């Protein structure tokens, strides 16, 4: 049913963003879901997820992560042939060494 498509898209995008963005709020989005474009400004990112994705050495821990602009392009009609792309603008990471156990 075409009328359900935008709601289903919104749920999928929200579920994915909840993984990567702390305190995600759908009202923060500039969304053109049908066109496959999602933009989120000034996001606080999930440090644990980034730590895992970036595979940093064990002596470096991400303690804060922010992004000035997150933009996702979703090729809805070609999802099996084209990749979803996510671009992070003005990514800022705070890295610290974990405290040594005495």
PDB file of N, CA and C in Angstrom:
ATOM      1  N   UNK A   1       0.836  -1.183   0.000  1.00  0.00           N
ATOM      2  CA  UNK A   1       0.000   0.000   0.000  1.00  0.00           C
ATOM      3  C   UNK A   1       0.875   1.237   0.000  1.00  0.00           C
ATOM      4  N   UNK A   2       0.834   2.055  -1.033  1.00  0.00           N
ATOM      5  CA  UNK A   2       1.715   3.223  -1.133  1.00  0.00           C
ATOM      6  C   UNK A   2       1.579   4.199   0.017  1.00  0.00           C
ATOM      7  N   UNK A   3       0.375   4.358   0.586  1.00  0.00           N
ATOM      8  CA  UNK A   3       0.209   5.337   1.661  1.00  0.00           C
ATOM      9  C   UNK A   3       0.977   4.940   2.913  1.00  0.00           C
ATOM     10  N   UNK A   4       1.293   3.660   3.071  1.00  0.00           N
ATOM     11  CA  UNK A   4       2.046   3.187   4.236  1.00  0.00           C
ATOM     12  C   UNK A   4       3.548   3.307   4.029  1.00  0.00           C
ATOM     13  N   UNK A   5       3.979   3.479   2.800  1.00  0.00           N
ATOM     14  CA  UNK A   5       5.404   3.492   2.502  1.00  0.00           C
ATOM     15  C   UNK A   5       6.173   4.562   3.259  1.00  0.00           C
ATOM     16  N   UNK A   6       5.752   5.824   3.260  1.00  0.00           N
ATOM     17  CA  UNK A   6       6.530   6.818   4.021  1.00  0.00           C
ATOM     18  C   UNK A   6       6.622   6.495   5.511  1.00  0.00           C
ATOM     19  N   UNK A   7       5.556   5.970   6.113  1.00  0.00           N
ATOM     20  CA  UNK A   7       5.601   5.625   7.539  1.00  0.00           C
ATOM     21  C   UNK A   7       6.583   4.490   7.778  1.00  0.00           C
ATOM     22  N   UNK A   8       6.602   3.506   6.886  1.00  0.00           N
ATOM     23  CA  UNK A   8       7.545   2.391   7.012  1.00  0.00           C
ATOM     24  C   UNK A   8       8.981   2.895   6.846  1.00  0.00           C
ATOM     25  N   UNK A   9       9.192   3.801   5.906  1.00  0.00           N
ATOM     26  CA  UNK A   9      10.520   4.385   5.700  1.00  0.00           C
ATOM     27  C   UNK A   9      10.960   5.134   6.941  1.00  0.00           C
ATOM     28  N   UNK A  10      10.052   5.904   7.514  1.00  0.00           N
ATOM     29  CA  UNK A  10      10.366   6.688   8.715  1.00  0.00           C
ATOM     30  C   UNK A  10      10.767   5.768   9.863  1.00  0.00           C
ATOM     31  N   UNK A  11      10.046   4.662  10.033  1.00  0.00           N
ATOM     32  CA  UNK A  11      10.385   3.713  11.108  1.00  0.00           C
ATOM     33  C   UNK A  11      11.764   3.104  10.887  1.00  0.00           C
ATOM     34  N   UNK A  12      12.069   2.747   9.644  1.00  0.00           N
ATOM     35  CA  UNK A  12      13.374   2.161   9.338  1.00  0.00           C
ATOM     36  C   UNK A  12      14.499   3.155   9.610  1.00  0.00           C
ATOM     37  N   UNK A  13      14.335   4.374   9.137  1.00  0.00           N
ATOM     38  CA  UNK A  13      15.351   5.411   9.358  1.00  0.00           C
ATOM     39  C   UNK A  13      15.508   5.685  10.848  1.00  0.00           C
ATOM     40  N   UNK A  14      14.413   5.768  11.572  1.00  0.00           N
ATOM     41  CA  UNK A  14      14.482   6.024  13.010  1.00  0.00           C
ATOM     42  C   UNK A  14      15.207   4.900  13.733  1.00  0.00           C
ATOM     43  N   UNK A  15      14.921   3.665  13.359  1.00  0.00           N
ATOM     44  CA  UNK A  15      15.580   2.526  13.998  1.00  0.00           C
ATOM     45  C   UNK A  15      17.089   2.562  13.749  1.00  0.00           C
ATOM     46  N   UNK A  16      17.479   2.871  12.522  1.00  0.00           N
ATOM     47  CA  UNK A  16      18.907   2.935  12.200  1.00  0.00           C
ATOM     48  C   UNK A  16      19.595   4.088  12.923  1.00  0.00           C
ATOM     49  N   UNK A  17      18.959   5.257  12.928  1.00  0.00           N
ATOM     50  CA  UNK A  17      19.576   6.413  13.589  1.00  0.00           C
ATOM     51  C   UNK A  17      19.677   6.217  15.095  1.00  0.00           C
ATOM     52  N   UNK A  18      18.714   5.517  15.689  1.00  0.00           N
ATOM     53  CA  UNK A  18      18.773   5.244  17.129  1.00  0.00           C
ATOM     54  C   UNK A  18      20.025   4.458  17.500  1.00  0.00           C
ATOM     55  N   UNK A  19      20.550   3.688  16.571  1.00  0.00           N
ATOM     56  CA  UNK A  19      21.763   2.921  16.824  1.00  0.00           C
ATOM     57  C   UNK A  19      22.976   3.842  16.937  1.00  0.00           C
ATOM     58  N   UNK A  20      23.038   4.843  16.103  1.00  0.00           N
ATOM     59  CA  UNK A  20      24.240   5.671  15.987  1.00  0.00           C
ATOM     60  C   UNK A  20      24.163   7.016  16.707  1.00  0.00           C
ATOM     61  N   UNK A  21      22.966   7.511  16.945  1.00  0.00           N
ATOM     62  CA  UNK A  21      22.796   8.859  17.492  1.00  0.00           C
ATOM     63  C   UNK A  21      22.219   8.776  18.902  1.00  0.00           C
ATOM     64  N   UNK A  22      22.886   9.452  19.836  1.00  0.00           N
ATOM     65  CA  UNK A  22      22.390   9.522  21.209  1.00  0.00           C
ATOM     66  C   UNK A  22      21.214  10.486  21.267  1.00  0.00           C
ATOM     67  N   UNK A  23      20.237  10.163  22.087  1.00  0.00           N
ATOM     68  CA  UNK A  23      19.076  11.033  22.298  1.00  0.00           C
ATOM     69  C   UNK A  23      18.447  11.438  20.972  1.00  0.00           C
ATOM     70  N   UNK A  24      18.314  10.470  20.067  1.00  0.00           N
ATOM     71  CA  UNK A  24      17.740  10.734  18.749  1.00  0.00           C
ATOM     72  C   UNK A  24      16.291  11.198  18.886  1.00  0.00           C
ATOM     73  N   UNK A  25      15.956  12.245  18.134  1.00  0.00           N
ATOM     74  CA  UNK A  25      14.596  12.778  18.100  1.00  0.00           C
ATOM     75  C   UNK A  25      14.229  13.016  16.643  1.00  0.00           C
ATOM     76  N   UNK A  26      13.173  12.398  16.178  1.00  0.00           N
ATOM     77  CA  UNK A  26      12.768  12.512  14.773  1.00  0.00           C
ATOM     78  C   UNK A  26      12.510  13.958  14.368  1.00  0.00           C
ATOM     79  N   UNK A  27      12.207  14.827  15.319  1.00  0.00           N
ATOM     80  CA  UNK A  27      11.954  16.236  14.999  1.00  0.00           C
ATOM     81  C   UNK A  27      13.218  16.968  14.570  1.00  0.00           C
ATOM     82  N   UNK A  28      14.391  16.377  14.824  1.00  0.00           N
ATOM     83  CA  UNK A  28      15.662  16.984  14.435  1.00  0.00           C
ATOM     84  C   UNK A  28      15.955  16.816  12.947  1.00  0.00           C
ATOM     85  N   UNK A  29      15.230  15.918  12.305  1.00  0.00           N
ATOM     86  CA  UNK A  29      15.556  15.545  10.933  1.00  0.00           C
ATOM     87  C   UNK A  29      15.022  16.511   9.903  1.00  0.00           C
ATOM     88  N   UNK A  30      15.828  16.692   8.860  1.00  0.00           N
ATOM     89  CA  UNK A  30      15.377  17.306   7.619  1.00  0.00           C
ATOM     90  C   UNK A  30      15.221  16.111   6.688  1.00  0.00           C
ATOM     91  N   UNK A  31      13.986  15.732   6.426  1.00  0.00           N
ATOM     92  CA  UNK A  31      13.734  14.474   5.759  1.00  0.00           C
ATOM     93  C   UNK A  31      13.036  14.672   4.429  1.00  0.00           C
ATOM     94  N   UNK A  32      13.551  13.992   3.449  1.00  0.00           N
ATOM     95  CA  UNK A  32      12.863  13.830   2.174  1.00  0.00           C
ATOM     96  C   UNK A  32      12.958  12.339   1.880  1.00  0.00           C
ATOM     97  N   UNK A  33      12.193  11.549   2.655  1.00  0.00           N
ATOM     98  CA  UNK A  33      12.323  10.103   2.605  1.00  0.00           C
ATOM     99  C   UNK A  33      12.043   9.531   1.228  1.00  0.00           C
ATOM    100  N   UNK A  34      11.023  10.045   0.561  1.00  0.00           N
ATOM    101  CA  UNK A  34      10.675   9.506  -0.745  1.00  0.00           C
ATOM    102  C   UNK A  34      11.824   9.710  -1.720  1.00  0.00           C
ATOM    103  N   UNK A  35      12.550  10.830  -1.565  1.00  0.00           N
ATOM    104  CA  UNK A  35      13.716  11.098  -2.413  1.00  0.00           C
ATOM    105  C   UNK A  35      14.964  10.388  -1.892  1.00  0.00           C
ATOM    106  N   UNK A  36      14.860   9.794  -0.703  1.00  0.00           N
ATOM    107  CA  UNK A  36      15.985   9.054  -0.154  1.00  0.00           C
ATOM    108  C   UNK A  36      17.044   9.917   0.498  1.00  0.00           C
ATOM    109  N   UNK A  37      16.649  11.032   1.083  1.00  0.00           N
ATOM    110  CA  UNK A  37      17.608  11.948   1.705  1.00  0.00           C
ATOM    111  C   UNK A  37      17.191  12.224   3.138  1.00  0.00           C
ATOM    112  N   UNK A  38      18.131  12.066   4.040  1.00  0.00           N
ATOM    113  CA  UNK A  38      17.903  12.335   5.460  1.00  0.00           C
ATOM    114  C   UNK A  38      19.077  13.158   5.961  1.00  0.00           C
ATOM    115  N   UNK A  39      18.800  14.271   6.635  1.00  0.00           N
ATOM    116  CA  UNK A  39      19.862  15.122   7.178  1.00  0.00           C
ATOM    117  C   UNK A  39      19.574  15.373   8.658  1.00  0.00           C
ATOM    118  N   UNK A  40      20.600  15.223   9.467  1.00  0.00           N
ATOM    119  CA  UNK A  40      20.513  15.485  10.896  1.00  0.00           C
ATOM    120  C   UNK A  40      21.661  16.419  11.255  1.00  0.00           C
ATOM    121  N   UNK A  41      21.336  17.568  11.838  1.00  0.00           N
ATOM    122  CA  UNK A  41      22.356  18.544  12.231  1.00  0.00           C
ATOM    123  C   UNK A  41      22.665  18.429  13.714  1.00  0.00           C
ATOM    124  N   UNK A  42      23.924  18.659  14.058  1.00  0.00           N
ATOM    125  CA  UNK A  42      24.402  18.740  15.443  1.00  0.00           C
ATOM    126  C   UNK A  42      23.995  17.520  16.263  1.00  0.00           C
ATOM    127  N   UNK A  43      24.495  16.373  15.871  1.00  0.00           N
ATOM    128  CA  UNK A  43      24.157  15.119  16.541  1.00  0.00           C
ATOM    129  C   UNK A  43      25.255  14.685  17.496  1.00  0.00           C
ATOM    130  N   UNK A  44      24.842  14.167  18.638  1.00  0.00           N
ATOM    131  CA  UNK A  44      25.773  13.502  19.542  1.00  0.00           C
ATOM    132  C   UNK A  44      25.728  12.024  19.190  1.00  0.00           C
ATOM    133  N   UNK A  45      26.875  11.467  18.863  1.00  0.00           N
ATOM    134  CA  UNK A  45      26.940  10.093  18.380  1.00  0.00           C
ATOM    135  C   UNK A  45      27.222   9.109  19.515  1.00  0.00           C
ATOM    136  N   UNK A  46      26.829   7.871  19.302  1.00  0.00           N
ATOM    137  CA  UNK A  46      27.032   6.806  20.268  1.00  0.00           C
ATOM    138  C   UNK A  46      28.501   6.383  20.249  1.00  0.00           C
ATOM    139  N   UNK A  47      29.207   6.668  21.324  1.00  0.00           N
ATOM    140  CA  UNK A  47      30.641   6.406  21.394  1.00  0.00           C
ATOM    141  C   UNK A  47      30.962   4.920  21.270  1.00  0.00           C
ATOM    142  N   UNK A  48      30.179   4.065  21.912  1.00  0.00           N
ATOM    143  CA  UNK A  48      30.450   2.628  21.890  1.00  0.00           C
ATOM    144  C   UNK A  48      30.328   2.062  20.478  1.00  0.00           C
ATOM    145  N   UNK A  49      29.334   2.512  19.734  1.00  0.00           N
ATOM    146  CA  UNK A  49      29.163   2.037  18.362  1.00  0.00           C
ATOM    147  C   UNK A  49      30.335   2.489  17.504  1.00  0.00           C
ATOM    148  N   UNK A  50      30.728   3.759  17.636  1.00  0.00           N
ATOM    149  CA  UNK A  50      31.883   4.250  16.871  1.00  0.00           C
ATOM    150  C   UNK A  50      33.161   3.526  17.250  1.00  0.00           C
ATOM    151  N   UNK A  51      33.346   3.272  18.538  1.00  0.00           N
ATOM    152  CA  UNK A  51      34.532   2.560  19.008  1.00  0.00           C
ATOM    153  C   UNK A  51      34.629   1.208  18.304  1.00  0.00           C
ATOM    154  N   UNK A  52      33.523   0.526  18.208  1.00  0.00           N
ATOM    155  CA  UNK A  52      33.500  -0.781  17.557  1.00  0.00           C
ATOM    156  C   UNK A  52      33.745  -0.668  16.047  1.00  0.00           C
ATOM    157  N   UNK A  53      33.095   0.283  15.403  1.00  0.00           N
ATOM    158  CA  UNK A  53      33.229   0.442  13.955  1.00  0.00           C
ATOM    159  C   UNK A  53      34.626   0.869  13.539  1.00  0.00           C
ATOM    160  N   UNK A  54      35.236   1.764  14.320  1.00  0.00           N
ATOM    161  CA  UNK A  54      36.546   2.296  13.955  1.00  0.00           C
ATOM    162  C   UNK A  54      37.688   1.370  14.328  1.00  0.00           C
ATOM    163  N   UNK A  55      37.404   0.385  15.147  1.00  0.00           N
ATOM    164  CA  UNK A  55      38.413  -0.586  15.571  1.00  0.00           C
ATOM    165  C   UNK A  55      39.693   0.097  16.052  1.00  0.00           C
ATOM    166  N   UNK A  56      39.525   1.008  16.987  1.00  0.00           N
ATOM    167  CA  UNK A  56      40.665   1.722  17.555  1.00  0.00           C
ATOM    168  C   UNK A  56      41.487   0.797  18.429  1.00  0.00           C
ATOM    169  N   UNK A  57      42.762   1.129  18.612  1.00  0.00           N
ATOM    170  CA  UNK A  57      43.576   0.308  19.514  1.00  0.00           C
ATOM    171  C   UNK A  57      43.008   0.354  20.933  1.00  0.00           C
ATOM    172  N   UNK A  58      43.243  -0.692  21.703  1.00  0.00           N
ATOM    173  CA  UNK A  58      42.657  -0.766  23.049  1.00  0.00           C
ATOM    174  C   UNK A  58      43.105   0.349  23.989  1.00  0.00           C
ATOM    175  N   UNK A  59      44.201   1.033  23.664  1.00  0.00           N
ATOM    176  CA  UNK A  59      44.655   2.112  24.542  1.00  0.00           C
ATOM    177  C   UNK A  59      44.006   3.455  24.192  1.00  0.00           C
ATOM    178  N   UNK A  60      43.031   3.456  23.285  1.00  0.00           N
ATOM    179  CA  UNK A  60      42.298   4.674  22.924  1.00  0.00           C
ATOM    180  C   UNK A  60      40.800   4.405  23.051  1.00  0.00           C
ATOM    181  N   UNK A  61      40.131   5.237  23.840  1.00  0.00           N
ATOM    182  CA  UNK A  61      38.693   5.085  24.058  1.00  0.00           C
ATOM    183  C   UNK A  61      37.999   6.387  23.658  1.00  0.00           C
ATOM    184  N   UNK A  62      36.932   6.281  22.893  1.00  0.00           N
ATOM    185  CA  UNK A  62      36.152   7.463  22.524  1.00  0.00           C
ATOM    186  C   UNK A  62      35.263   7.820  23.706  1.00  0.00           C
ATOM    187  N   UNK A  63      35.432   9.037  24.228  1.00  0.00           N
ATOM    188  CA  UNK A  63      34.618   9.478  25.367  1.00  0.00           C
ATOM    189  C   UNK A  63      33.552  10.487  24.960  1.00  0.00           C
ATOM    190  N   UNK A  64      33.675  11.066  23.770  1.00  0.00           N
ATOM    191  CA  UNK A  64      32.653  11.980  23.258  1.00  0.00           C
ATOM    192  C   UNK A  64      32.752  11.993  21.738  1.00  0.00           C
ATOM    193  N   UNK A  65      31.599  12.092  21.087  1.00  0.00           N
ATOM    194  CA  UNK A  65      31.569  12.120  19.629  1.00  0.00           C
ATOM    195  C   UNK A  65      30.404  12.980  19.169  1.00  0.00           C
ATOM    196  N   UNK A  66      30.710  13.978  18.356  1.00  0.00           N
ATOM    197  CA  UNK A  66      29.668  14.830  17.807  1.00  0.00           C
ATOM    198  C   UNK A  66      29.874  14.969  16.305  1.00  0.00           C
ATOM    199  N   UNK A  67      28.801  15.335  15.655  1.00  0.00           N
ATOM    200  CA  UNK A  67      28.827  15.481  14.206  1.00  0.00           C
ATOM    201  C   UNK A  67      28.028  16.735  13.862  1.00  0.00           C
ATOM    202  N   UNK A  68      28.635  17.627  13.102  1.00  0.00           N
ATOM    203  CA  UNK A  68      27.941  18.848  12.698  1.00  0.00           C
ATOM    204  C   UNK A  68      26.785  18.569  11.759  1.00  0.00           C
ATOM    205  N   UNK A  69      26.965  17.577  10.892  1.00  0.00           N
ATOM    206  CA  UNK A  69      25.916  17.231   9.930  1.00  0.00           C
ATOM    207  C   UNK A  69      26.056  15.773   9.540  1.00  0.00           C
ATOM    208  N   UNK A  70      24.960  15.035   9.655  1.00  0.00           N
ATOM    209  CA  UNK A  70      24.901  13.658   9.199  1.00  0.00           C
ATOM    210  C   UNK A  70      23.915  13.623   8.044  1.00  0.00           C
ATOM    211  N   UNK A  71      24.368  13.142   6.906  1.00  0.00           N
ATOM    212  CA  UNK A  71      23.487  13.051   5.741  1.00  0.00           C
ATOM    213  C   UNK A  71      23.497  11.631   5.217  1.00  0.00           C
ATOM    214  N   UNK A  72      22.311  11.077   5.045  1.00  0.00           N
ATOM    215  CA  UNK A  72      22.176   9.722   4.505  1.00  0.00           C
ATOM    216  C   UNK A  72      21.434   9.782   3.181  1.00  0.00           C
ATOM    217  N   UNK A  73      21.930   9.027   2.235  1.00  0.00           N
ATOM    218  CA  UNK A  73      21.275   8.856   0.931  1.00  0.00           C
ATOM    219  C   UNK A  73      20.849   7.395   0.840  1.00  0.00           C
ATOM    220  N   UNK A  74      19.560   7.183   0.654  1.00  0.00           N
ATOM    221  CA  UNK A  74      18.990   5.841   0.643  1.00  0.00           C
ATOM    222  C   UNK A  74      18.331   5.599  -0.708  1.00  0.00           C
ATOM    223  N   UNK A  75      18.904   4.728  -1.535  1.00  0.00           N
ATOM    224  CA  UNK A  75      18.332   4.457  -2.854  1.00  0.00           C
ATOM    225  C   UNK A  75      17.176   3.451  -2.753  1.00  0.00           C
ATOM    226  N   UNK A  76      16.027   3.903  -2.282  1.00  0.00           N
ATOM    227  CA  UNK A  76      14.895   3.027  -1.982  1.00  0.00           C
ATOM    228  C   UNK A  76      14.570   2.055  -3.111  1.00  0.00           C
ATOM    229  N   UNK A  77      14.598   2.518  -4.336  1.00  0.00           N
ATOM    230  CA  UNK A  77      14.198   1.655  -5.445  1.00  0.00           C
ATOM    231  C   UNK A  77      15.310   0.710  -5.893  1.00  0.00           C
ATOM    232  N   UNK A  78      16.519   0.883  -5.351  1.00  0.00           N
ATOM    233  CA  UNK A  78      17.658   0.069  -5.778  1.00  0.00           C
ATOM    234  C   UNK A  78      18.453  -0.462  -4.589  1.00  0.00           C
ATOM    235  N   UNK A  79      17.776  -0.749  -3.494  1.00  0.00           N
ATOM    236  CA  UNK A  79      18.482  -1.146  -2.272  1.00  0.00           C
ATOM    237  C   UNK A  79      19.330  -2.407  -2.443  1.00  0.00           C
ATOM    238  N   UNK A  80      18.936  -3.299  -3.331  1.00  0.00           N
ATOM    239  CA  UNK A  80      19.714  -4.533  -3.517  1.00  0.00           C
ATOM    240  C   UNK A  80      20.920  -4.322  -4.422  1.00  0.00           C
ATOM    241  N   UNK A  81      20.953  -3.195  -5.144  1.00  0.00           N
ATOM    242  CA  UNK A  81      22.035  -2.949  -6.096  1.00  0.00           C
ATOM    243  C   UNK A  81      22.947  -1.796  -5.700  1.00  0.00           C
ATOM    244  N   UNK A  82      22.436  -0.869  -4.912  1.00  0.00           N
ATOM    245  CA  UNK A  82      23.215   0.308  -4.521  1.00  0.00           C
ATOM    246  C   UNK A  82      23.297   0.403  -3.007  1.00  0.00           C
ATOM    247  N   UNK A  83      24.390   0.944  -2.531  1.00  0.00           N
ATOM    248  CA  UNK A  83      24.613   1.070  -1.091  1.00  0.00           C
ATOM    249  C   UNK A  83      23.944   2.322  -0.528  1.00  0.00           C
ATOM    250  N   UNK A  84      23.561   2.232   0.722  1.00  0.00           N
ATOM    251  CA  UNK A  84      23.153   3.406   1.475  1.00  0.00           C
ATOM    252  C   UNK A  84      24.437   4.132   1.840  1.00  0.00           C
ATOM    253  N   UNK A  85      24.493   5.429   1.600  1.00  0.00           N
ATOM    254  CA  UNK A  85      25.697   6.183   1.955  1.00  0.00           C
ATOM    255  C   UNK A  85      25.379   7.149   3.084  1.00  0.00           C
ATOM    256  N   UNK A  86      26.296   7.223   4.020  1.00  0.00           N
ATOM    257  CA  UNK A  86      26.162   8.153   5.141  1.00  0.00           C
ATOM    258  C   UNK A  86      27.411   9.014   5.158  1.00  0.00           C
ATOM    259  N   UNK A  87      27.201  10.314   5.152  1.00  0.00           N
ATOM    260  CA  UNK A  87      28.309  11.263   5.175  1.00  0.00           C
ATOM    261  C   UNK A  87      28.255  12.027   6.495  1.00  0.00           C
ATOM    262  N   UNK A  88      29.394  12.079   7.180  1.00  0.00           N
ATOM    263  CA  UNK A  88      29.501  12.833   8.425  1.00  0.00           C
ATOM    264  C   UNK A  88      30.327  14.075   8.164  1.00  0.00           C
ATOM    265  N   UNK A  89      29.770  15.228   8.486  1.00  0.00           N
ATOM    266  CA  UNK A  89      30.491  16.485   8.342  1.00  0.00           C
ATOM    267  C   UNK A  89      30.879  17.022   9.701  1.00  0.00           C
ATOM    268  N   UNK A  90      32.061  17.552   9.807  1.00  0.00           N
ATOM    269  CA  UNK A  90      32.565  18.124  11.061  1.00  0.00           C
ATOM    270  C   UNK A  90      32.491  17.119  12.211  1.00  0.00           C
ATOM    271  N   UNK A  91      33.056  15.954  11.986  1.00  0.00           N
ATOM    272  CA  UNK A  91      33.095  14.922  13.019  1.00  0.00           C
ATOM    273  C   UNK A  91      34.133  15.309  14.066  1.00  0.00           C
ATOM    274  N   UNK A  92      33.740  15.247  15.312  1.00  0.00           N
ATOM    275  CA  UNK A  92      34.635  15.570  16.413  1.00  0.00           C
ATOM    276  C   UNK A  92      34.636  14.410  17.404  1.00  0.00           C
ATOM    277  N   UNK A  93      35.814  13.863  17.661  1.00  0.00           N
ATOM    278  CA  UNK A  93      35.958  12.764  18.616  1.00  0.00           C
ATOM    279  C   UNK A  93      36.878  13.186  19.743  1.00  0.00           C
ATOM    280  N   UNK A  94      36.544  12.808  20.944  1.00  0.00           N
ATOM    281  CA  UNK A  94      37.435  12.978  22.086  1.00  0.00           C
ATOM    282  C   UNK A  94      37.924  11.580  22.455  1.00  0.00           C
ATOM    283  N   UNK A  95      39.244  11.399  22.362  1.00  0.00           N
ATOM    284  CA  UNK A  95      39.860  10.111  22.658  1.00  0.00           C
ATOM    285  C   UNK A  95      40.666  10.237  23.945  1.00  0.00           C
ATOM    286  N   UNK A  96      40.568   9.210  24.783  1.00  0.00           N
ATOM    287  CA  UNK A  96      41.326   9.181  26.023  1.00  0.00           C
ATOM    288  C   UNK A  96      41.898   7.798  26.223  1.00  0.00           C
ATOM    289  N   UNK A  97      42.959   7.746  26.994  1.00  0.00           N
ATOM    290  CA  UNK A  97      43.518   6.458  27.381  1.00  0.00           C
ATOM    291  C   UNK A  97      42.730   5.963  28.601  1.00  0.00           C
ATOM    292  N   UNK A  98      42.353   4.685  28.586  1.00  0.00           N
ATOM    293  CA  UNK A  98      41.654   4.189  29.770  1.00  0.00           C
ATOM    294  C   UNK A  98      42.587   4.192  30.974  1.00  0.00           C
ATOM    295  N   UNK A  99      42.000   4.428  32.115  1.00  0.00           N
ATOM    296  CA  UNK A  99      42.824   4.445  33.332  1.00  0.00           C
ATOM    297  C   UNK A  99      43.341   3.049  33.611  1.00  0.00           C
ATOM    298  N   UNK A 100      44.579   2.987  33.999  1.00  0.00           N
ATOM    299  CA  UNK A 100      45.195   1.690  34.311  1.00  0.00           C
ATOM    300  C   UNK A 100      44.680   1.196  35.654  1.00  0.00           C
ATOM    301  N   UNK A 101      44.366  -0.088  35.708  1.00  0.00           N
ATOM    302  CA  UNK A 101      43.944  -0.687  36.986  1.00  0.00           C
ATOM    303  C   UNK A 101      45.165  -0.926  37.846  1.00  0.00           C
ATOM    304  N   UNK A 102      45.070  -0.532  39.095  1.00  0.00           N
ATOM    305  CA  UNK A 102      46.214  -0.699  40.007  1.00  0.00           C
ATOM    306  C   UNK A 102      46.202  -2.051  40.668  1.00  0.00           C
TER     307      UNK A 102
END
